Amino acid sequence: MNTNQILSTLRKQKKKIDGERERLHHAIVAFEKLAGKAIEAGKKKYRMSRSAKKNIAAGQKKRWAKFRANKDAKA
């Protein structure tokens, strides 16, 4: 076999593999959609109240303030 024949064969194999890869990708996406719908069907979406969000934000601000105070004290 010469170089051109080898390259031609390799390109054909690559094209075949790319096609198989594409089919597998579509199959995976389809199964993920089915699995996602099955999970979503039995699960309610959790919504956090405004007051809970406010409390979490206040706590995080407090933690950052403490961290920065310690950082400045060390420097």
C-alpha atoms as a PDB file:
ATOM      1  CA  MET A   1       0.000   0.000   0.000  1.00  0.00           C
ATOM      2  CA  ASN A   2       1.225   3.420  -0.773  1.00  0.00           C
ATOM      3  CA  THR A   3       0.752   6.509   1.387  1.00  0.00           C
ATOM      4  CA  ASN A   4      -2.283   7.780  -0.517  1.00  0.00           C
ATOM      5  CA  GLN A   5      -4.119   4.482  -0.110  1.00  0.00           C
ATOM      6  CA  ILE A   6      -3.360   4.405   3.620  1.00  0.00           C
ATOM      7  CA  LEU A   7      -4.600   7.969   4.046  1.00  0.00           C
ATOM      8  CA  SER A   8      -7.725   7.184   2.053  1.00  0.00           C
ATOM      9  CA  THR A   9      -8.450   4.123   4.202  1.00  0.00           C
ATOM     10  CA  LEU A  10      -7.873   6.058   7.406  1.00  0.00           C
ATOM     11  CA  ARG A  11     -10.178   8.871   6.262  1.00  0.00           C
ATOM     12  CA  LYS A  12     -12.929   6.340   5.445  1.00  0.00           C
ATOM     13  CA  GLN A  13     -12.567   4.746   8.869  1.00  0.00           C
ATOM     14  CA  LYS A  14     -12.646   8.160  10.545  1.00  0.00           C
ATOM     15  CA  LYS A  15     -15.807   9.111   8.656  1.00  0.00           C
ATOM     16  CA  LYS A  16     -17.447   5.818   9.694  1.00  0.00           C
ATOM     17  CA  ILE A  17     -16.452   6.315  13.347  1.00  0.00           C
ATOM     18  CA  ASP A  18     -17.675   9.923  13.303  1.00  0.00           C
ATOM     19  CA  GLY A  19     -21.064   8.710  12.071  1.00  0.00           C
ATOM     20  CA  GLU A  20     -21.257   6.116  14.840  1.00  0.00           C
ATOM     21  CA  ARG A  21     -20.220   8.718  17.396  1.00  0.00           C
ATOM     22  CA  GLU A  22     -22.976  11.050  16.203  1.00  0.00           C
ATOM     23  CA  ARG A  23     -25.600   8.285  16.502  1.00  0.00           C
ATOM     24  CA  LEU A  24     -24.385   7.455  20.020  1.00  0.00           C
ATOM     25  CA  HIS A  25     -24.545  11.116  20.986  1.00  0.00           C
ATOM     26  CA  HIS A  26     -28.155  11.370  19.815  1.00  0.00           C
ATOM     27  CA  ALA A  27     -29.066   8.187  21.693  1.00  0.00           C
ATOM     28  CA  ILE A  28     -27.483   9.521  24.894  1.00  0.00           C
ATOM     29  CA  VAL A  29     -29.311  12.836  24.572  1.00  0.00           C
ATOM     30  CA  ALA A  30     -32.619  11.031  24.052  1.00  0.00           C
ATOM     31  CA  PHE A  31     -32.094   8.863  27.146  1.00  0.00           C
ATOM     32  CA  GLU A  32     -31.072  11.871  29.219  1.00  0.00           C
ATOM     33  CA  LYS A  33     -34.261  13.665  28.210  1.00  0.00           C
ATOM     34  CA  LEU A  34     -36.348  10.629  29.160  1.00  0.00           C
ATOM     35  CA  ALA A  35     -34.548  10.211  32.473  1.00  0.00           C
ATOM     36  CA  GLY A  36     -34.858  13.921  33.224  1.00  0.00           C
ATOM     37  CA  LYS A  37     -38.592  13.909  32.568  1.00  0.00           C
ATOM     38  CA  ALA A  38     -39.048  10.864  34.780  1.00  0.00           C
ATOM     39  CA  ILE A  39     -37.175  12.535  37.625  1.00  0.00           C
ATOM     40  CA  GLU A  40     -38.973  15.856  37.182  1.00  0.00           C
ATOM     41  CA  ALA A  41     -42.398  14.186  37.170  1.00  0.00           C
ATOM     42  CA  GLY A  42     -42.124  13.038  40.783  1.00  0.00           C
ATOM     43  CA  LYS A  43     -40.263  16.025  42.144  1.00  0.00           C
ATOM     44  CA  LYS A  44     -41.588  19.428  43.128  1.00  0.00           C
ATOM     45  CA  LYS A  45     -39.441  22.465  42.555  1.00  0.00           C
ATOM     46  CA  TYR A  46     -38.200  23.928  45.815  1.00  0.00           C
ATOM     47  CA  ARG A  47     -38.513  27.674  46.163  1.00  0.00           C
ATOM     48  CA  MET A  48     -36.689  29.549  48.844  1.00  0.00           C
ATOM     49  CA  SER A  49     -38.588  32.312  50.603  1.00  0.00           C
ATOM     50  CA  ARG A  50     -37.374  35.904  50.465  1.00  0.00           C
ATOM     51  CA  SER A  51     -36.681  35.931  54.175  1.00  0.00           C
ATOM     52  CA  ALA A  52     -34.576  32.774  53.903  1.00  0.00           C
ATOM     53  CA  LYS A  53     -32.547  34.313  51.064  1.00  0.00           C
ATOM     54  CA  LYS A  54     -32.128  37.473  53.125  1.00  0.00           C
ATOM     55  CA  ASN A  55     -30.893  35.491  56.147  1.00  0.00           C
ATOM     56  CA  ILE A  56     -28.422  33.529  54.035  1.00  0.00           C
ATOM     57  CA  ALA A  57     -27.093  36.727  52.430  1.00  0.00           C
ATOM     58  CA  ALA A  58     -26.727  38.417  55.830  1.00  0.00           C
ATOM     59  CA  GLY A  59     -24.870  35.408  57.231  1.00  0.00           C
ATOM     60  CA  GLN A  60     -22.530  35.308  54.244  1.00  0.00           C
ATOM     61  CA  LYS A  61     -21.779  39.036  54.554  1.00  0.00           C
ATOM     62  CA  LYS A  62     -21.024  38.499  58.231  1.00  0.00           C
ATOM     63  CA  ARG A  63     -18.645  35.601  57.437  1.00  0.00           C
ATOM     64  CA  TRP A  64     -16.816  37.667  54.807  1.00  0.00           C
ATOM     65  CA  ALA A  65     -16.520  40.627  57.171  1.00  0.00           C
ATOM     66  CA  LYS A  66     -14.998  38.344  59.818  1.00  0.00           C
ATOM     67  CA  PHE A  67     -12.616  36.829  57.255  1.00  0.00           C
ATOM     68  CA  ARG A  68     -11.484  40.256  56.054  1.00  0.00           C
ATOM     69  CA  ALA A  69     -11.035  41.512  59.613  1.00  0.00           C
ATOM     70  CA  ASN A  70      -8.794  38.542  60.439  1.00  0.00           C
ATOM     71  CA  LYS A  71      -6.879  39.002  57.202  1.00  0.00           C
ATOM     72  CA  ASP A  72      -6.259  42.704  57.923  1.00  0.00           C
ATOM     73  CA  ALA A  73      -5.233  41.968  61.534  1.00  0.00           C
ATOM     74  CA  LYS A  74      -2.581  39.501  60.350  1.00  0.00           C
ATOM     75  CA  ALA A  75      -1.151  41.872  57.739  1.00  0.00           C
END
